[in-house]
C-alpha atoms as a PDB file:
ATOM      1  CA  MET A   1     -22.928  -6.421  -1.738  1.00  0.00           C
ATOM      2  CA  GLN A   2     -22.421  -9.857  -0.542  1.00  0.00           C
ATOM      3  CA  ALA A   3     -25.212 -11.053  -2.947  1.00  0.00           C
ATOM      4  CA  ALA A   4     -23.495  -9.232  -5.798  1.00  0.00           C
ATOM      5  CA  ILE A   5     -20.138 -11.027  -5.023  1.00  0.00           C
ATOM      6  CA  GLN A   6     -21.830 -14.361  -4.990  1.00  0.00           C
ATOM      7  CA  ARG A   7     -23.566 -13.746  -8.121  1.00  0.00           C
ATOM      8  CA  MET A   8     -20.387 -12.543  -9.778  1.00  0.00           C
ATOM      9  CA  ALA A   9     -18.568 -15.675  -8.529  1.00  0.00           C
ATOM     10  CA  GLU A  10     -21.313 -17.803 -10.131  1.00  0.00           C
ATOM     11  CA  ALA A  11     -21.123 -16.081 -13.424  1.00  0.00           C
ATOM     12  CA  ILE A  12     -17.373 -16.451 -13.737  1.00  0.00           C
ATOM     13  CA  THR A  13     -17.332 -19.958 -12.930  1.00  0.00           C
ATOM     14  CA  ALA A  14     -20.067 -20.633 -15.460  1.00  0.00           C
ATOM     15  CA  ILE A  15     -17.603 -19.395 -18.045  1.00  0.00           C
ATOM     16  CA  VAL A  16     -14.344 -20.675 -17.153  1.00  0.00           C
ATOM     17  CA  PRO A  17     -13.264 -23.599 -14.655  1.00  0.00           C
ATOM     18  CA  THR A  18     -12.011 -21.637 -11.713  1.00  0.00           C
ATOM     19  CA  HIS A  19      -9.579 -22.626  -8.975  1.00  0.00           C
ATOM     20  CA  SER A  20     -10.334 -19.798  -6.405  1.00  0.00           C
ATOM     21  CA  ILE A  21     -11.724 -16.346  -6.239  1.00  0.00           C
ATOM     22  CA  TRP A  22     -10.052 -13.908  -3.939  1.00  0.00           C
ATOM     23  CA  LEU A  23     -11.201 -10.597  -2.680  1.00  0.00           C
ATOM     24  CA  TYR A  24      -8.650  -7.980  -1.236  1.00  0.00           C
ATOM     25  CA  GLY A  25      -8.577  -4.224  -0.671  1.00  0.00           C
ATOM     26  CA  SER A  26     -11.154  -2.097   1.018  1.00  0.00           C
ATOM     27  CA  THR A  27     -13.862  -4.987   1.062  1.00  0.00           C
ATOM     28  CA  VAL A  28     -11.731  -7.173   3.362  1.00  0.00           C
ATOM     29  CA  LEU A  29     -10.126  -4.259   5.260  1.00  0.00           C
ATOM     30  CA  ASP A  30     -13.779  -3.078   6.471  1.00  0.00           C
ATOM     31  CA  ASP A  31     -13.348   0.143   4.477  1.00  0.00           C
ATOM     32  CA  PHE A  32     -15.844  -0.303   1.551  1.00  0.00           C
ATOM     33  CA  HIS A  33     -17.816   2.850   0.712  1.00  0.00           C
ATOM     34  CA  LEU A  34     -20.256   2.728  -1.992  1.00  0.00           C
ATOM     35  CA  GLY A  35     -19.658   5.668  -4.320  1.00  0.00           C
ATOM     36  CA  TRP A  36     -15.881   5.596  -3.768  1.00  0.00           C
ATOM     37  CA  SER A  37     -14.613   2.050  -3.185  1.00  0.00           C
ATOM     38  CA  ASP A  38     -13.875  -0.700  -5.557  1.00  0.00           C
ATOM     39  CA  ILE A  39     -14.416  -4.576  -5.034  1.00  0.00           C
ATOM     40  CA  ASP A  40     -10.919  -5.615  -5.719  1.00  0.00           C
ATOM     41  CA  LEU A  41     -10.526  -9.362  -6.801  1.00  0.00           C
ATOM     42  CA  ILE A  42      -8.218 -11.917  -8.274  1.00  0.00           C
ATOM     43  CA  VAL A  43      -9.696 -14.991 -10.222  1.00  0.00           C
ATOM     44  CA  LEU A  44      -7.337 -17.877 -10.573  1.00  0.00           C
ATOM     45  CA  THR A  45      -8.524 -20.306 -13.266  1.00  0.00           C
ATOM     46  CA  ARG A  46      -7.622 -24.009 -13.813  1.00  0.00           C
ATOM     47  CA  ALA A  47      -6.250 -23.636 -17.155  1.00  0.00           C
ATOM     48  CA  ALA A  48      -5.180 -20.869 -19.435  1.00  0.00           C
ATOM     49  CA  ILE A  49      -8.080 -18.655 -20.452  1.00  0.00           C
ATOM     50  CA  THR A  50      -9.173 -19.193 -23.903  1.00  0.00           C
ATOM     51  CA  GLN A  51      -9.887 -16.252 -26.365  1.00  0.00           C
ATOM     52  CA  ARG A  52     -13.586 -17.125 -26.181  1.00  0.00           C
ATOM     53  CA  GLN A  53     -13.640 -17.268 -22.559  1.00  0.00           C
ATOM     54  CA  ALA A  54     -11.615 -13.942 -22.204  1.00  0.00           C
ATOM     55  CA  GLU A  55     -14.155 -12.219 -24.525  1.00  0.00           C
ATOM     56  CA  GLN A  56     -16.974 -13.331 -22.365  1.00  0.00           C
ATOM     57  CA  LEU A  57     -15.378 -12.376 -19.328  1.00  0.00           C
ATOM     58  CA  LEU A  58     -14.335  -9.105 -20.663  1.00  0.00           C
ATOM     59  CA  THR A  59     -17.802  -7.440 -20.519  1.00  0.00           C
ATOM     60  CA  LEU A  60     -19.111  -9.659 -17.580  1.00  0.00           C
ATOM     61  CA  ARG A  61     -19.539  -6.483 -15.371  1.00  0.00           C
ATOM     62  CA  GLN A  62     -21.607  -4.719 -17.811  1.00  0.00           C
ATOM     63  CA  ALA A  63     -23.652  -7.803 -18.573  1.00  0.00           C
ATOM     64  CA  LEU A  64     -24.548  -8.443 -14.958  1.00  0.00           C
ATOM     65  CA  SER A  65     -25.337  -4.588 -14.465  1.00  0.00           C
ATOM     66  CA  ALA A  66     -27.668  -4.832 -17.406  1.00  0.00           C
ATOM     67  CA  ARG A  67     -29.515  -7.750 -16.057  1.00  0.00           C
ATOM     68  CA  GLU A  68     -29.861  -6.046 -12.640  1.00  0.00           C
ATOM     69  CA  PRO A  69     -30.034  -2.411 -13.534  1.00  0.00           C
ATOM     70  CA  GLY A  70     -30.768  -1.384  -9.733  1.00  0.00           C
ATOM     71  CA  ASN A  71     -27.652  -3.051  -8.526  1.00  0.00           C
ATOM     72  CA  PRO A  72     -24.830  -0.600  -7.822  1.00  0.00           C
ATOM     73  CA  TYR A  73     -22.054  -3.145  -7.125  1.00  0.00           C
ATOM     74  CA  TYR A  74     -21.167  -4.798 -10.332  1.00  0.00           C
ATOM     75  CA  ARG A  75     -19.452  -1.669 -11.608  1.00  0.00           C
ATOM     76  CA  CYS A  76     -17.225  -1.745  -8.459  1.00  0.00           C
ATOM     77  CA  PHE A  77     -15.406  -4.929  -9.424  1.00  0.00           C
ATOM     78  CA  GLU A  78     -11.890  -4.532 -10.465  1.00  0.00           C
ATOM     79  CA  GLY A  79      -8.983  -6.977 -10.610  1.00  0.00           C
ATOM     80  CA  VAL A  80      -7.366  -9.640 -12.819  1.00  0.00           C
ATOM     81  CA  LEU A  81      -8.490 -12.968 -14.146  1.00  0.00           C
ATOM     82  CA  VAL A  82      -5.631 -15.387 -14.783  1.00  0.00           C
ATOM     83  CA  SER A  83      -4.742 -19.090 -14.803  1.00  0.00           C
ATOM     84  CA  LEU A  84      -3.078 -20.189 -11.470  1.00  0.00           C
ATOM     85  CA  GLU A  85      -0.373 -22.061 -13.317  1.00  0.00           C
ATOM     86  CA  GLU A  86       0.669 -18.711 -15.105  1.00  0.00           C
ATOM     87  CA  TYR A  87       0.194 -16.735 -11.893  1.00  0.00           C
ATOM     88  CA  ARG A  88       2.768 -18.885 -10.185  1.00  0.00           C
ATOM     89  CA  ALA A  89       5.127 -18.967 -13.142  1.00  0.00           C
ATOM     90  CA  GLY A  90       5.123 -15.097 -13.804  1.00  0.00           C
ATOM     91  CA  ARG A  91       4.518 -15.829 -17.618  1.00  0.00           C
ATOM     92  CA  PHE A  92       1.242 -14.923 -19.067  1.00  0.00           C
ATOM     93  CA  THR A  93      -0.504 -15.748 -22.314  1.00  0.00           C
ATOM     94  CA  ARG A  94      -3.943 -14.229 -21.734  1.00  0.00           C
ATOM     95  CA  VAL A  95      -5.176 -12.213 -18.837  1.00  0.00           C
ATOM     96  CA  VAL A  96      -8.498 -10.355 -18.511  1.00  0.00           C
ATOM     97  CA  TYR A  97      -8.175  -7.054 -16.648  1.00  0.00           C
ATOM     98  CA  TRP A  98     -11.034  -5.140 -15.118  1.00  0.00           C
ATOM     99  CA  GLY A  99     -10.291  -1.494 -14.218  1.00  0.00           C
ATOM    100  CA  THR A 100     -11.929   1.846 -13.367  1.00  0.00           C
ATOM    101  CA  SER A 101     -11.764   3.056 -16.579  1.00  0.00           C
ATOM    102  CA  GLY A 102     -12.351  -0.007 -18.513  1.00  0.00           C
ATOM    103  CA  GLN A 103     -11.166  -3.511 -19.470  1.00  0.00           C
ATOM    104  CA  ARG A 104      -8.862  -5.245 -21.630  1.00  0.00           C
ATOM    105  CA  ILE A 105      -7.281  -8.646 -22.616  1.00  0.00           C
ATOM    106  CA  THR A 106      -3.505  -8.560 -22.120  1.00  0.00           C
ATOM    107  CA  ASP A 107      -0.616 -10.691 -21.690  1.00  0.00           C
ATOM    108  CA  ARG A 108       0.444  -9.085 -18.415  1.00  0.00           C
ATOM    109  CA  CYS A 109      -0.638  -9.497 -14.837  1.00  0.00           C
ATOM    110  CA  ASP A 110      -0.093  -6.299 -12.847  1.00  0.00           C
ATOM    111  CA  VAL A 111      -0.698  -6.930  -9.274  1.00  0.00           C
ATOM    112  CA  ASP A 112       1.222  -4.410  -7.489  1.00  0.00           C
ATOM    113  CA  ALA A 113       3.077  -4.627  -4.095  1.00  0.00           C
ATOM    114  CA  PHE A 114       0.172  -3.265  -2.159  1.00  0.00           C
ATOM    115  CA  ALA A 115      -2.298  -5.625  -3.680  1.00  0.00           C
ATOM    116  CA  ARG A 116       0.215  -8.599  -2.955  1.00  0.00           C
ATOM    117  CA  GLN A 117       0.542  -7.606   0.576  1.00  0.00           C
ATOM    118  CA  GLU A 118      -3.185  -7.471   1.101  1.00  0.00           C
ATOM    119  CA  LEU A 119      -3.677 -10.759  -0.579  1.00  0.00           C
ATOM    120  CA  ALA A 120      -0.879 -12.540   1.469  1.00  0.00           C
ATOM    121  CA  PHE A 121      -2.102 -11.413   4.872  1.00  0.00           C
ATOM    122  CA  HIS A 122      -5.801 -10.260   4.399  1.00  0.00           C
ATOM    123  CA  GLY A 123      -7.113 -11.982   1.195  1.00  0.00           C
ATOM    124  CA  ARG A 124     -10.519 -13.728   1.567  1.00  0.00           C
ATOM    125  CA  ARG A 125     -11.503 -16.659  -0.477  1.00  0.00           C
ATOM    126  CA  VAL A 126     -15.213 -16.458  -1.763  1.00  0.00           C
ATOM    127  CA  TYR A 127     -14.895 -19.488  -4.073  1.00  0.00           C
ATOM    128  CA  GLY A 128     -12.871 -22.601  -4.755  1.00  0.00           C
ATOM    129  CA  GLU A 129      -9.819 -24.027  -2.709  1.00  0.00           C
ATOM    130  CA  GLY A 130      -6.466 -23.245  -1.347  1.00  0.00           C
ATOM    131  CA  ASP A 131      -5.408 -20.726   1.395  1.00  0.00           C
ATOM    132  CA  ARG A 132      -3.532 -17.406   1.213  1.00  0.00           C
ATOM    133  CA  SER A 133      -0.025 -19.105   0.854  1.00  0.00           C
ATOM    134  CA  LEU A 134      -1.073 -18.987  -2.862  1.00  0.00           C
ATOM    135  CA  PHE A 135       0.212 -15.318  -2.606  1.00  0.00           C
ATOM    136  CA  SER A 136       3.767 -14.443  -1.937  1.00  0.00           C
ATOM    137  CA  PRO A 137       4.062 -11.069   0.053  1.00  0.00           C
ATOM    138  CA  PRO A 138       6.243  -8.469  -1.398  1.00  0.00           C
ATOM    139  CA  SER A 139       9.711  -7.895   0.078  1.00  0.00           C
ATOM    140  CA  GLN A 140      10.330  -4.490   1.937  1.00  0.00           C
ATOM    141  CA  ALA A 141      12.226  -3.145  -1.060  1.00  0.00           C
ATOM    142  CA  GLU A 142       9.387  -3.972  -3.216  1.00  0.00           C
ATOM    143  CA  LEU A 143       6.817  -2.132  -1.082  1.00  0.00           C
ATOM    144  CA  THR A 144       9.331   0.991  -0.849  1.00  0.00           C
ATOM    145  CA  ALA A 145       9.537   0.863  -4.624  1.00  0.00           C
ATOM    146  CA  ALA A 146       5.804   0.831  -5.037  1.00  0.00           C
ATOM    147  CA  VAL A 147       5.558   3.895  -2.798  1.00  0.00           C
ATOM    148  CA  ARG A 148       8.136   5.657  -4.712  1.00  0.00           C
ATOM    149  CA  ARG A 149       6.217   4.774  -8.093  1.00  0.00           C
ATOM    150  CA  HIS A 150       2.893   6.051  -6.271  1.00  0.00           C
ATOM    151  CA  TYR A 151       4.777   9.295  -5.273  1.00  0.00           C
ATOM    152  CA  GLU A 152       6.007   9.903  -8.919  1.00  0.00           C
ATOM    153  CA  GLY A 153       2.459   9.457 -10.097  1.00  0.00           C
ATOM    154  CA  ILE A 154       1.271  12.091  -7.500  1.00  0.00           C
ATOM    155  CA  ARG A 155       3.781  14.600  -8.676  1.00  0.00           C
ATOM    156  CA  ALA A 156       2.972  13.971 -12.367  1.00  0.00           C
ATOM    157  CA  CYS A 157      -0.865  13.649 -12.188  1.00  0.00           C
ATOM    158  CA  ALA A 158      -2.051  15.639  -9.181  1.00  0.00           C
ATOM    159  CA  ALA A 159      -0.534  19.120  -9.486  1.00  0.00           C
ATOM    160  CA  GLN A 160      -4.063  20.026 -10.709  1.00  0.00           C
ATOM    161  CA  THR A 161      -7.225  18.156  -9.426  1.00  0.00           C
ATOM    162  CA  ASP A 162     -10.584  17.812 -10.848  1.00  0.00           C
ATOM    163  CA  ASP A 163     -13.879  17.594  -8.955  1.00  0.00           C
ATOM    164  CA  SER A 164     -14.003  13.789  -8.425  1.00  0.00           C
ATOM    165  CA  LEU A 165     -13.952  12.258  -5.034  1.00  0.00           C
ATOM    166  CA  TYR A 166     -10.672  10.807  -5.952  1.00  0.00           C
ATOM    167  CA  ALA A 167      -8.948  14.115  -5.750  1.00  0.00           C
ATOM    168  CA  CYS A 168      -9.076  14.190  -2.024  1.00  0.00           C
ATOM    169  CA  GLY A 169      -8.270  10.472  -2.159  1.00  0.00           C
ATOM    170  CA  TRP A 170      -4.605  11.489  -2.964  1.00  0.00           C
ATOM    171  CA  LEU A 171      -4.321  12.659   0.653  1.00  0.00           C
ATOM    172  CA  LEU A 172      -5.382   9.339   1.976  1.00  0.00           C
ATOM    173  CA  ASP A 173      -2.848   7.613  -0.344  1.00  0.00           C
ATOM    174  CA  ILE A 174      -0.185   9.789   0.919  1.00  0.00           C
ATOM    175  CA  ALA A 175      -1.033   8.864   4.507  1.00  0.00           C
ATOM    176  CA  ARG A 176      -1.029   5.176   3.646  1.00  0.00           C
ATOM    177  CA  CYS A 177       2.326   5.479   1.937  1.00  0.00           C
ATOM    178  CA  ILE A 178       3.869   6.968   4.920  1.00  0.00           C
ATOM    179  CA  TYR A 179       2.381   4.261   7.120  1.00  0.00           C
ATOM    180  CA  THR A 180       3.906   1.762   4.730  1.00  0.00           C
ATOM    181  CA  LEU A 181       7.319   3.119   4.819  1.00  0.00           C
ATOM    182  CA  ARG A 182       7.315   3.223   8.545  1.00  0.00           C
ATOM    183  CA  TYR A 183       5.852  -0.178   9.399  1.00  0.00           C
ATOM    184  CA  HIS A 184       6.283  -2.104   6.050  1.00  0.00           C
ATOM    185  CA  ASP A 185       2.674  -2.970   5.840  1.00  0.00           C
ATOM    186  CA  VAL A 186      -0.519  -1.853   4.032  1.00  0.00           C
ATOM    187  CA  ILE A 187      -3.834  -0.720   5.945  1.00  0.00           C
ATOM    188  CA  ALA A 188      -7.136   0.747   4.810  1.00  0.00           C
ATOM    189  CA  LYS A 189      -7.063   4.280   3.519  1.00  0.00           C
ATOM    190  CA  THR A 190      -9.721   5.406   6.212  1.00  0.00           C
ATOM    191  CA  ARG A 191      -7.462   3.983   8.948  1.00  0.00           C
ATOM    192  CA  ALA A 192      -4.370   5.541   7.414  1.00  0.00           C
ATOM    193  CA  GLY A 193      -5.810   8.837   7.465  1.00  0.00           C
ATOM    194  CA  GLU A 194      -6.877   8.281  11.099  1.00  0.00           C
ATOM    195  CA  TRP A 195      -3.518   7.348  12.004  1.00  0.00           C
ATOM    196  CA  ALA A 196      -1.839  10.256  10.274  1.00  0.00           C
ATOM    197  CA  LEU A 197      -4.188  12.750  12.142  1.00  0.00           C
ATOM    198  CA  ALA A 198      -3.276  11.049  15.550  1.00  0.00           C
ATOM    199  CA  GLU A 199       0.308  11.195  14.775  1.00  0.00           C
ATOM    200  CA  LYS A 200       0.252  14.698  13.362  1.00  0.00           C
ATOM    201  CA  ILE A 201       2.053  13.708  10.230  1.00  0.00           C
ATOM    202  CA  PHE A 202       1.058  16.772   8.398  1.00  0.00           C
ATOM    203  CA  ASP A 203       1.430  20.357   9.248  1.00  0.00           C
ATOM    204  CA  ASP A 204      -1.951  21.426   8.083  1.00  0.00           C
ATOM    205  CA  ASP A 205      -4.405  18.540   8.489  1.00  0.00           C
ATOM    206  CA  ALA A 206      -7.491  20.317   7.903  1.00  0.00           C
ATOM    207  CA  ALA A 207      -7.841  18.933   4.364  1.00  0.00           C
ATOM    208  CA  LEU A 208      -7.254  15.399   5.559  1.00  0.00           C
ATOM    209  CA  ARG A 209     -10.116  15.779   8.234  1.00  0.00           C
ATOM    210  CA  ARG A 210     -12.405  16.842   5.409  1.00  0.00           C
ATOM    211  CA  ALA A 211     -11.283  13.957   3.250  1.00  0.00           C
ATOM    212  CA  LEU A 212     -11.967  11.544   5.949  1.00  0.00           C
ATOM    213  CA  ILE A 213     -15.599  12.812   6.266  1.00  0.00           C
ATOM    214  CA  ILE A 214     -16.234  12.441   2.596  1.00  0.00           C
ATOM    215  CA  ARG A 215     -14.594   9.150   2.551  1.00  0.00           C
ATOM    216  CA  ARG A 216     -17.359   7.842   5.088  1.00  0.00           C
ATOM    217  CA  GLN A 217     -20.041   9.177   3.177  1.00  0.00           C
ATOM    218  CA  PRO A 218     -19.207   9.790  -0.413  1.00  0.00           C
ATOM    219  CA  LEU A 219     -22.717   9.559  -1.749  1.00  0.00           C
ATOM    220  CA  ALA A 220     -23.640  12.371   0.648  1.00  0.00           C
ATOM    221  CA  TYR A 221     -21.016  14.647  -0.950  1.00  0.00           C
ATOM    222  CA  LYS A 222     -20.079  13.902  -4.410  1.00  0.00           C
ATOM    223  CA  ASP A 223     -22.621  16.316  -6.102  1.00  0.00           C
ATOM    224  CA  ARG A 224     -22.364  19.163  -3.635  1.00  0.00           C
ATOM    225  CA  PRO A 225     -21.238  22.242  -5.458  1.00  0.00           C
ATOM    226  CA  GLU A 226     -19.100  23.400  -2.473  1.00  0.00           C
ATOM    227  CA  THR A 227     -17.571  19.929  -2.319  1.00  0.00           C
ATOM    228  CA  LYS A 228     -16.720  20.055  -6.112  1.00  0.00           C
ATOM    229  CA  ALA A 229     -15.186  23.292  -5.881  1.00  0.00           C
ATOM    230  CA  TRP A 230     -13.024  22.234  -2.908  1.00  0.00           C
ATOM    231  CA  LEU A 231     -11.752  19.104  -4.725  1.00  0.00           C
ATOM    232  CA  LYS A 232     -10.999  21.204  -7.891  1.00  0.00           C
ATOM    233  CA  SER A 233      -8.801  23.387  -5.543  1.00  0.00           C
ATOM    234  CA  LEU A 234      -6.887  20.673  -4.036  1.00  0.00           C
ATOM    235  CA  GLY A 235      -3.716  20.538  -6.310  1.00  0.00           C
ATOM    236  CA  SER A 236      -1.402  22.497  -4.210  1.00  0.00           C
ATOM    237  CA  THR A 237      -2.485  20.753  -1.044  1.00  0.00           C
ATOM    238  CA  VAL A 238      -1.801  17.387  -2.379  1.00  0.00           C
ATOM    239  CA  GLN A 239       1.657  18.522  -3.393  1.00  0.00           C
ATOM    240  CA  ARG A 240       2.375  19.749   0.185  1.00  0.00           C
ATOM    241  CA  TYR A 241       1.382  16.530   1.650  1.00  0.00           C
ATOM    242  CA  ALA A 242       3.521  14.861  -1.105  1.00  0.00           C
ATOM    243  CA  ASP A 243       6.343  16.798   0.342  1.00  0.00           C
ATOM    244  CA  ALA A 244       5.926  15.105   3.725  1.00  0.00           C
ATOM    245  CA  LEU A 245       5.996  11.718   1.863  1.00  0.00           C
ATOM    246  CA  GLU A 246       9.324  12.852   0.285  1.00  0.00           C
ATOM    247  CA  ARG A 247      10.739  13.756   3.575  1.00  0.00           C
ATOM    248  CA  GLU A 248       9.627  10.502   5.045  1.00  0.00           C
ATOM    249  CA  TRP A 249      11.891   8.304   2.790  1.00  0.00           C
ATOM    250  CA  SER A 250      14.692  10.980   2.952  1.00  0.00           C
ATOM    251  CA  GLY A 251      14.936  10.448   6.738  1.00  0.00           C
ATOM    252  CA  PRO A 252      17.246   8.362   8.864  1.00  0.00           C
ATOM    253  CA  ASN A 253      14.832   5.179   8.518  1.00  0.00           C
ATOM    254  CA  PRO A 254      13.189   5.094   5.139  1.00  0.00           C
END
């Protein structure tokens, strides 16, 4: 993975003059698991990204994957590429976004409160200059609002689940959201699940225990028929766990 990160950094800087490249998320929280996790990054360029540069950056992940077809890591990269000046000002002309389902050129830079917290306290620079003071952490109110948006997404999108590993990822996300409400911090999903088990956050923790087993070895489980069948059946369980999240912010110390 480290070699892929280095080659990605070299490829980016060959296209656009770059101030710094930062990693956050599971890669820096010691929770990366191939087959499930992303390599989250933010690239801060020295000047506004031109249309030509944006078009080259847009499909860079695919270009590197085609160049090294046996390397599974390039498709894991996700994040935003934006000029440092625009990031600081909060006004954007051209931003390249890499996501799970695709990529786009946009005039928005959506770095949510969870990501900002991770960048401010755990971000790791892999190229360039500067320190984590580049990133302002979110306020407690912003973190709470991010949790609420995540909760609303769970209610809207996870009443029924498919057979992807991310179906049981909802359970880990809920555990992490509860941790964030209690401690105003963001931790790795695996650690959040382990914390929730130790604290007996959920009345029925069997599903969370199974989710943690899969999280630790996703490639060993993702194609098993029994795992796929279980993942497709998780909708009602996810909603019960979401009930616990709702109770958490309705309590005396939300």
